[in-house]
């Protein structure tokens, strides 16, 4: 999960940079504009690769935490698509037919108003991204707390099972000792019974012999 959080932080930083650069496209021209577009293209590809890495890491997350991370990934993917669309729109606005990059068709007031609008849009996007990160951090903390509680419960259950197993071993040992004592008592009783029978038979024989010799 730590690796996923690292990817999320990298993604947040990169999307914030992309948002700021998209806002600068309208005020740029020529080589500067081309460089901005190239940089944004590259960063969009890198951010998409980060999302793919997050998706791969989520597959290895335990089932109890996977749903929260999957929901966050869906939000990131929606945000990425929105950035891609805004980037395409920014390129289209400055690429309309008849536009000459060497001649600015907008007057100074128009440029200022457009920059203000884009600045507000960028601020809103940054706030949404910040909210996403705050929510993701909160969910991550809650998930860690739940995981820690689950681990504590499992540890307690393991100790209980080990104690029960120890008591079962002791009970089994007691039963074995009781069985040996009982067997010993049975053998002793059988031996005593046998001796008693022998004594009775001997007395009977003595009596018979005594009677026989007395008659004779």
C-alpha atoms as a PDB file:
ATOM      1  CA  UNK A   1       0.000   0.000   0.000  1.00  0.00           C
ATOM      2  CA  UNK A   2       2.904   2.363   0.581  1.00  0.00           C
ATOM      3  CA  UNK A   3       3.914   2.016  -3.074  1.00  0.00           C
ATOM      4  CA  UNK A   4       0.380   2.925  -4.173  1.00  0.00           C
ATOM      5  CA  UNK A   5       0.480   6.020  -1.978  1.00  0.00           C
ATOM      6  CA  UNK A   6       3.822   7.042  -3.521  1.00  0.00           C
ATOM      7  CA  UNK A   7       2.309   6.694  -7.000  1.00  0.00           C
ATOM      8  CA  UNK A   8      -0.697   8.749  -5.899  1.00  0.00           C
ATOM      9  CA  UNK A   9       1.523  11.563  -4.645  1.00  0.00           C
ATOM     10  CA  UNK A  10       3.515  11.551  -7.902  1.00  0.00           C
ATOM     11  CA  UNK A  11       0.263  11.629  -9.862  1.00  0.00           C
ATOM     12  CA  UNK A  12      -1.084  14.571  -7.839  1.00  0.00           C
ATOM     13  CA  UNK A  13       2.091  16.614  -8.381  1.00  0.00           C
ATOM     14  CA  UNK A  14       2.136  15.821 -12.088  1.00  0.00           C
ATOM     15  CA  UNK A  15      -1.534  16.653 -12.682  1.00  0.00           C
ATOM     16  CA  UNK A  16      -1.098  19.945 -10.836  1.00  0.00           C
ATOM     17  CA  UNK A  17       1.816  20.777 -13.151  1.00  0.00           C
ATOM     18  CA  UNK A  18      -0.227  19.748 -16.204  1.00  0.00           C
ATOM     19  CA  UNK A  19      -3.119  21.960 -15.059  1.00  0.00           C
ATOM     20  CA  UNK A  20      -0.826  24.962 -14.664  1.00  0.00           C
ATOM     21  CA  UNK A  21       0.771  24.380 -18.080  1.00  0.00           C
ATOM     22  CA  UNK A  22      -2.603  24.046 -19.831  1.00  0.00           C
ATOM     23  CA  UNK A  23      -3.533  27.446 -18.426  1.00  0.00           C
ATOM     24  CA  UNK A  24      -0.373  28.938 -19.982  1.00  0.00           C
ATOM     25  CA  UNK A  25      -1.120  27.722 -23.515  1.00  0.00           C
ATOM     26  CA  UNK A  26      -3.556  30.580 -24.248  1.00  0.00           C
ATOM     27  CA  UNK A  27      -0.936  33.213 -23.366  1.00  0.00           C
ATOM     28  CA  UNK A  28       1.910  31.577 -25.300  1.00  0.00           C
ATOM     29  CA  UNK A  29       2.833  31.442 -28.960  1.00  0.00           C
ATOM     30  CA  UNK A  30       5.436  30.133 -31.336  1.00  0.00           C
ATOM     31  CA  UNK A  31       8.237  27.978 -29.953  1.00  0.00           C
ATOM     32  CA  UNK A  32       7.099  28.489 -26.360  1.00  0.00           C
ATOM     33  CA  UNK A  33       3.631  27.166 -27.181  1.00  0.00           C
ATOM     34  CA  UNK A  34       5.030  24.173 -29.048  1.00  0.00           C
ATOM     35  CA  UNK A  35       7.294  23.346 -26.108  1.00  0.00           C
ATOM     36  CA  UNK A  36       4.363  23.598 -23.699  1.00  0.00           C
ATOM     37  CA  UNK A  37       2.280  21.244 -25.837  1.00  0.00           C
ATOM     38  CA  UNK A  38       5.163  18.778 -26.081  1.00  0.00           C
ATOM     39  CA  UNK A  39       5.748  18.868 -22.313  1.00  0.00           C
ATOM     40  CA  UNK A  40       2.051  18.378 -21.581  1.00  0.00           C
ATOM     41  CA  UNK A  41       1.861  15.439 -24.003  1.00  0.00           C
ATOM     42  CA  UNK A  42       4.809  13.810 -22.266  1.00  0.00           C
ATOM     43  CA  UNK A  43       3.440  14.416 -18.776  1.00  0.00           C
ATOM     44  CA  UNK A  44       0.010  13.103 -19.739  1.00  0.00           C
ATOM     45  CA  UNK A  45       1.642   9.889 -20.936  1.00  0.00           C
ATOM     46  CA  UNK A  46       3.690   9.614 -17.734  1.00  0.00           C
ATOM     47  CA  UNK A  47       0.625  10.249 -15.555  1.00  0.00           C
ATOM     48  CA  UNK A  48      -1.295   7.588 -17.481  1.00  0.00           C
ATOM     49  CA  UNK A  49       1.557   5.149 -16.828  1.00  0.00           C
ATOM     50  CA  UNK A  50       1.334   6.025 -13.125  1.00  0.00           C
ATOM     51  CA  UNK A  51      -2.375   5.161 -13.176  1.00  0.00           C
ATOM     52  CA  UNK A  52      -1.567   1.842 -14.828  1.00  0.00           C
ATOM     53  CA  UNK A  53       1.026   1.128 -12.127  1.00  0.00           C
ATOM     54  CA  UNK A  54      -1.523   1.990  -9.431  1.00  0.00           C
ATOM     55  CA  UNK A  55      -3.981  -0.423 -11.058  1.00  0.00           C
ATOM     56  CA  UNK A  56      -1.388  -3.207 -11.042  1.00  0.00           C
ATOM     57  CA  UNK A  57      -0.487  -2.597  -7.394  1.00  0.00           C
ATOM     58  CA  UNK A  58      -4.161  -2.572  -6.355  1.00  0.00           C
ATOM     59  CA  UNK A  59      -4.476  -6.172  -7.552  1.00  0.00           C
ATOM     60  CA  UNK A  60      -2.075  -7.264  -4.793  1.00  0.00           C
ATOM     61  CA  UNK A  61      -3.895  -5.341  -2.041  1.00  0.00           C
ATOM     62  CA  UNK A  62      -6.003  -7.454   0.379  1.00  0.00           C
ATOM     63  CA  UNK A  63      -9.677  -7.688  -0.508  1.00  0.00           C
ATOM     64  CA  UNK A  64     -10.715  -5.698   2.579  1.00  0.00           C
ATOM     65  CA  UNK A  65      -8.868  -2.575   1.346  1.00  0.00           C
ATOM     66  CA  UNK A  66      -9.080  -3.034  -2.417  1.00  0.00           C
ATOM     67  CA  UNK A  67     -12.499  -1.380  -2.889  1.00  0.00           C
ATOM     68  CA  UNK A  68     -11.381   1.971  -1.430  1.00  0.00           C
ATOM     69  CA  UNK A  69      -8.259   2.100  -3.617  1.00  0.00           C
ATOM     70  CA  UNK A  70     -10.254   1.083  -6.702  1.00  0.00           C
ATOM     71  CA  UNK A  71     -12.695   3.943  -6.101  1.00  0.00           C
ATOM     72  CA  UNK A  72      -9.816   6.402  -5.831  1.00  0.00           C
ATOM     73  CA  UNK A  73      -8.284   5.050  -9.038  1.00  0.00           C
ATOM     74  CA  UNK A  74     -11.585   5.638 -10.844  1.00  0.00           C
ATOM     75  CA  UNK A  75     -11.529   9.264  -9.664  1.00  0.00           C
ATOM     76  CA  UNK A  76      -7.952   9.677 -10.902  1.00  0.00           C
ATOM     77  CA  UNK A  77      -8.853   8.209 -14.301  1.00  0.00           C
ATOM     78  CA  UNK A  78     -11.839  10.552 -14.635  1.00  0.00           C
ATOM     79  CA  UNK A  79      -9.595  13.487 -13.703  1.00  0.00           C
ATOM     80  CA  UNK A  80      -7.012  12.391 -16.286  1.00  0.00           C
ATOM     81  CA  UNK A  81      -9.653  12.240 -19.038  1.00  0.00           C
ATOM     82  CA  UNK A  82     -10.838  15.712 -18.088  1.00  0.00           C
ATOM     83  CA  UNK A  83      -7.281  17.048 -18.277  1.00  0.00           C
ATOM     84  CA  UNK A  84      -6.830  15.400 -21.673  1.00  0.00           C
ATOM     85  CA  UNK A  85     -10.037  17.034 -22.922  1.00  0.00           C
ATOM     86  CA  UNK A  86      -9.051  20.462 -21.584  1.00  0.00           C
ATOM     87  CA  UNK A  87      -5.654  20.096 -23.218  1.00  0.00           C
ATOM     88  CA  UNK A  88      -7.277  19.257 -26.551  1.00  0.00           C
ATOM     89  CA  UNK A  89      -9.638  22.218 -26.219  1.00  0.00           C
ATOM     90  CA  UNK A  90      -6.732  24.560 -25.428  1.00  0.00           C
ATOM     91  CA  UNK A  91      -4.895  23.413 -28.552  1.00  0.00           C
ATOM     92  CA  UNK A  92      -8.001  23.810 -30.724  1.00  0.00           C
ATOM     93  CA  UNK A  93      -8.667  27.372 -29.505  1.00  0.00           C
ATOM     94  CA  UNK A  94      -5.192  28.503 -30.562  1.00  0.00           C
ATOM     95  CA  UNK A  95      -5.156  26.372 -33.736  1.00  0.00           C
ATOM     96  CA  UNK A  96      -8.270  27.754 -35.465  1.00  0.00           C
ATOM     97  CA  UNK A  97      -7.931  28.595 -39.129  1.00  0.00           C
ATOM     98  CA  UNK A  98      -6.634  32.042 -39.864  1.00  0.00           C
ATOM     99  CA  UNK A  99      -4.671  32.412 -36.654  1.00  0.00           C
ATOM    100  CA  UNK A 100      -1.245  33.935 -37.092  1.00  0.00           C
ATOM    101  CA  UNK A 101       1.081  33.203 -34.186  1.00  0.00           C
ATOM    102  CA  UNK A 102       3.106  36.305 -34.947  1.00  0.00           C
ATOM    103  CA  UNK A 103       0.075  38.597 -34.631  1.00  0.00           C
ATOM    104  CA  UNK A 104      -2.041  38.560 -31.469  1.00  0.00           C
ATOM    105  CA  UNK A 105      -5.690  38.982 -32.454  1.00  0.00           C
ATOM    106  CA  UNK A 106      -6.793  39.492 -28.852  1.00  0.00           C
ATOM    107  CA  UNK A 107      -6.554  42.866 -27.305  1.00  0.00           C
ATOM    108  CA  UNK A 108      -4.948  43.335 -23.895  1.00  0.00           C
ATOM    109  CA  UNK A 109      -8.277  43.398 -22.039  1.00  0.00           C
ATOM    110  CA  UNK A 110      -9.422  40.199 -23.732  1.00  0.00           C
ATOM    111  CA  UNK A 111      -6.169  38.436 -22.814  1.00  0.00           C
ATOM    112  CA  UNK A 112      -6.418  39.563 -19.207  1.00  0.00           C
ATOM    113  CA  UNK A 113     -10.026  38.368 -18.896  1.00  0.00           C
ATOM    114  CA  UNK A 114      -9.128  35.033 -20.486  1.00  0.00           C
ATOM    115  CA  UNK A 115      -6.156  34.619 -18.183  1.00  0.00           C
ATOM    116  CA  UNK A 116      -8.318  35.433 -15.157  1.00  0.00           C
ATOM    117  CA  UNK A 117     -10.913  32.872 -16.225  1.00  0.00           C
ATOM    118  CA  UNK A 118      -8.279  30.204 -16.777  1.00  0.00           C
ATOM    119  CA  UNK A 119      -6.599  31.067 -13.496  1.00  0.00           C
ATOM    120  CA  UNK A 120      -9.909  30.562 -11.705  1.00  0.00           C
ATOM    121  CA  UNK A 121     -10.459  27.289 -13.551  1.00  0.00           C
ATOM    122  CA  UNK A 122      -6.969  26.126 -12.647  1.00  0.00           C
ATOM    123  CA  UNK A 123      -7.523  27.112  -9.016  1.00  0.00           C
ATOM    124  CA  UNK A 124     -10.749  25.091  -8.928  1.00  0.00           C
ATOM    125  CA  UNK A 125      -8.976  22.094 -10.468  1.00  0.00           C
ATOM    126  CA  UNK A 126      -6.181  22.364  -7.942  1.00  0.00           C
ATOM    127  CA  UNK A 127      -8.723  22.522  -5.123  1.00  0.00           C
ATOM    128  CA  UNK A 128     -10.498  19.441  -6.479  1.00  0.00           C
ATOM    129  CA  UNK A 129      -7.196  17.614  -6.751  1.00  0.00           C
ATOM    130  CA  UNK A 130      -6.333  18.657  -3.202  1.00  0.00           C
ATOM    131  CA  UNK A 131      -9.717  17.396  -2.025  1.00  0.00           C
ATOM    132  CA  UNK A 132      -9.128  14.088  -3.825  1.00  0.00           C
ATOM    133  CA  UNK A 133      -5.779  13.739  -2.081  1.00  0.00           C
ATOM    134  CA  UNK A 134      -7.255  14.636   1.302  1.00  0.00           C
ATOM    135  CA  UNK A 135     -10.017  12.086   0.817  1.00  0.00           C
ATOM    136  CA  UNK A 136      -7.496   9.510  -0.357  1.00  0.00           C
ATOM    137  CA  UNK A 137      -5.297  10.190   2.670  1.00  0.00           C
ATOM    138  CA  UNK A 138      -8.284   9.944   5.004  1.00  0.00           C
ATOM    139  CA  UNK A 139      -9.410   6.666   3.441  1.00  0.00           C
ATOM    140  CA  UNK A 140      -5.840   5.404   3.637  1.00  0.00           C
ATOM    141  CA  UNK A 141      -5.638   6.240   7.359  1.00  0.00           C
ATOM    142  CA  UNK A 142      -9.011   4.602   7.994  1.00  0.00           C
ATOM    143  CA  UNK A 143      -7.924   1.546   6.020  1.00  0.00           C
ATOM    144  CA  UNK A 144      -4.697   1.315   8.013  1.00  0.00           C
ATOM    145  CA  UNK A 145      -6.643   1.607  11.271  1.00  0.00           C
ATOM    146  CA  UNK A 146      -9.058  -1.132  10.176  1.00  0.00           C
ATOM    147  CA  UNK A 147      -6.114  -3.281   9.082  1.00  0.00           C
ATOM    148  CA  UNK A 148      -4.363  -2.741  12.409  1.00  0.00           C
ATOM    149  CA  UNK A 149      -7.544  -3.654  14.286  1.00  0.00           C
ATOM    150  CA  UNK A 150      -7.966  -6.782  12.153  1.00  0.00           C
ATOM    151  CA  UNK A 151      -4.362  -7.775  12.810  1.00  0.00           C
ATOM    152  CA  UNK A 152      -4.828  -7.180  16.544  1.00  0.00           C
ATOM    153  CA  UNK A 153      -7.982  -9.316  16.526  1.00  0.00           C
ATOM    154  CA  UNK A 154      -6.232 -12.051  14.592  1.00  0.00           C
ATOM    155  CA  UNK A 155      -3.300 -11.942  17.013  1.00  0.00           C
ATOM    156  CA  UNK A 156      -5.672 -12.200  19.972  1.00  0.00           C
ATOM    157  CA  UNK A 157      -7.527 -15.089  18.334  1.00  0.00           C
ATOM    158  CA  UNK A 158      -4.235 -16.813  17.638  1.00  0.00           C
ATOM    159  CA  UNK A 159      -3.229 -16.494  21.288  1.00  0.00           C
ATOM    160  CA  UNK A 160      -6.629 -17.871  22.327  1.00  0.00           C
ATOM    161  CA  UNK A 161      -6.231 -20.813  19.957  1.00  0.00           C
ATOM    162  CA  UNK A 162      -2.720 -21.473  21.252  1.00  0.00           C
ATOM    163  CA  UNK A 163      -3.943 -21.408  24.855  1.00  0.00           C
ATOM    164  CA  UNK A 164      -6.814 -23.741  23.961  1.00  0.00           C
ATOM    165  CA  UNK A 165      -4.390 -26.051  22.199  1.00  0.00           C
ATOM    166  CA  UNK A 166      -2.154 -26.044  25.285  1.00  0.00           C
ATOM    167  CA  UNK A 167      -5.111 -26.887  27.506  1.00  0.00           C
ATOM    168  CA  UNK A 168      -6.090 -29.694  25.134  1.00  0.00           C
ATOM    169  CA  UNK A 169      -2.557 -31.088  25.316  1.00  0.00           C
ATOM    170  CA  UNK A 170      -2.697 -30.941  29.124  1.00  0.00           C
ATOM    171  CA  UNK A 171      -6.112 -32.601  29.130  1.00  0.00           C
ATOM    172  CA  UNK A 172      -4.838 -35.299  26.771  1.00  0.00           C
ATOM    173  CA  UNK A 173      -1.854 -35.891  29.062  1.00  0.00           C
ATOM    174  CA  UNK A 174      -4.196 -36.104  32.074  1.00  0.00           C
ATOM    175  CA  UNK A 175      -6.409 -38.563  30.226  1.00  0.00           C
ATOM    176  CA  UNK A 176      -3.374 -40.667  29.344  1.00  0.00           C
ATOM    177  CA  UNK A 177      -2.275 -40.739  32.981  1.00  0.00           C
ATOM    178  CA  UNK A 178      -5.815 -41.569  34.123  1.00  0.00           C
ATOM    179  CA  UNK A 179      -6.014 -44.348  31.544  1.00  0.00           C
ATOM    180  CA  UNK A 180      -2.742 -45.844  32.758  1.00  0.00           C
ATOM    181  CA  UNK A 181      -3.881 -45.645  36.404  1.00  0.00           C
ATOM    182  CA  UNK A 182      -7.221 -47.215  35.526  1.00  0.00           C
ATOM    183  CA  UNK A 183      -5.548 -50.023  33.596  1.00  0.00           C
ATOM    184  CA  UNK A 184      -3.225 -50.605  36.542  1.00  0.00           C
ATOM    185  CA  UNK A 185      -6.173 -50.763  38.927  1.00  0.00           C
ATOM    186  CA  UNK A 186      -8.000 -53.208  36.640  1.00  0.00           C
ATOM    187  CA  UNK A 187      -4.941 -55.424  36.423  1.00  0.00           C
ATOM    188  CA  UNK A 188      -4.510 -55.312  40.199  1.00  0.00           C
ATOM    189  CA  UNK A 189      -8.194 -56.160  40.730  1.00  0.00           C
ATOM    190  CA  UNK A 190      -7.960 -59.061  38.281  1.00  0.00           C
ATOM    191  CA  UNK A 191      -4.839 -60.301  40.056  1.00  0.00           C
ATOM    192  CA  UNK A 192      -6.505 -60.034  43.464  1.00  0.00           C
ATOM    193  CA  UNK A 193      -9.550 -61.819  42.118  1.00  0.00           C
ATOM    194  CA  UNK A 194      -7.396 -64.585  40.721  1.00  0.00           C
ATOM    195  CA  UNK A 195      -5.577 -64.956  44.071  1.00  0.00           C
ATOM    196  CA  UNK A 196      -8.926 -65.070  45.858  1.00  0.00           C
ATOM    197  CA  UNK A 197     -10.177 -67.798  43.543  1.00  0.00           C
ATOM    198  CA  UNK A 198      -6.993 -69.790  44.099  1.00  0.00           C
ATOM    199  CA  UNK A 199      -7.342 -69.429  47.882  1.00  0.00           C
ATOM    200  CA  UNK A 200     -10.996 -70.493  47.759  1.00  0.00           C
ATOM    201  CA  UNK A 201     -10.156 -73.518  45.620  1.00  0.00           C
ATOM    202  CA  UNK A 202      -7.280 -74.432  47.943  1.00  0.00           C
ATOM    203  CA  UNK A 203      -9.531 -74.216  51.005  1.00  0.00           C
ATOM    204  CA  UNK A 204     -12.157 -76.283  49.233  1.00  0.00           C
ATOM    205  CA  UNK A 205      -9.587 -78.926  48.365  1.00  0.00           C
ATOM    206  CA  UNK A 206      -8.307 -78.973  51.964  1.00  0.00           C
ATOM    207  CA  UNK A 207     -11.825 -79.440  53.241  1.00  0.00           C
ATOM    208  CA  UNK A 208     -12.536 -82.216  50.772  1.00  0.00           C
ATOM    209  CA  UNK A 209      -9.305 -83.970  51.647  1.00  0.00           C
ATOM    210  CA  UNK A 210      -9.966 -83.573  55.369  1.00  0.00           C
ATOM    211  CA  UNK A 211     -13.427 -85.103  55.027  1.00  0.00           C
ATOM    212  CA  UNK A 212     -12.088 -87.916  52.904  1.00  0.00           C
ATOM    213  CA  UNK A 213      -9.319 -88.827  55.321  1.00  0.00           C
ATOM    214  CA  UNK A 214     -11.647 -88.574  58.307  1.00  0.00           C
ATOM    215  CA  UNK A 215     -14.085 -91.008  56.716  1.00  0.00           C
ATOM    216  CA  UNK A 216     -11.322 -93.354  55.763  1.00  0.00           C
END
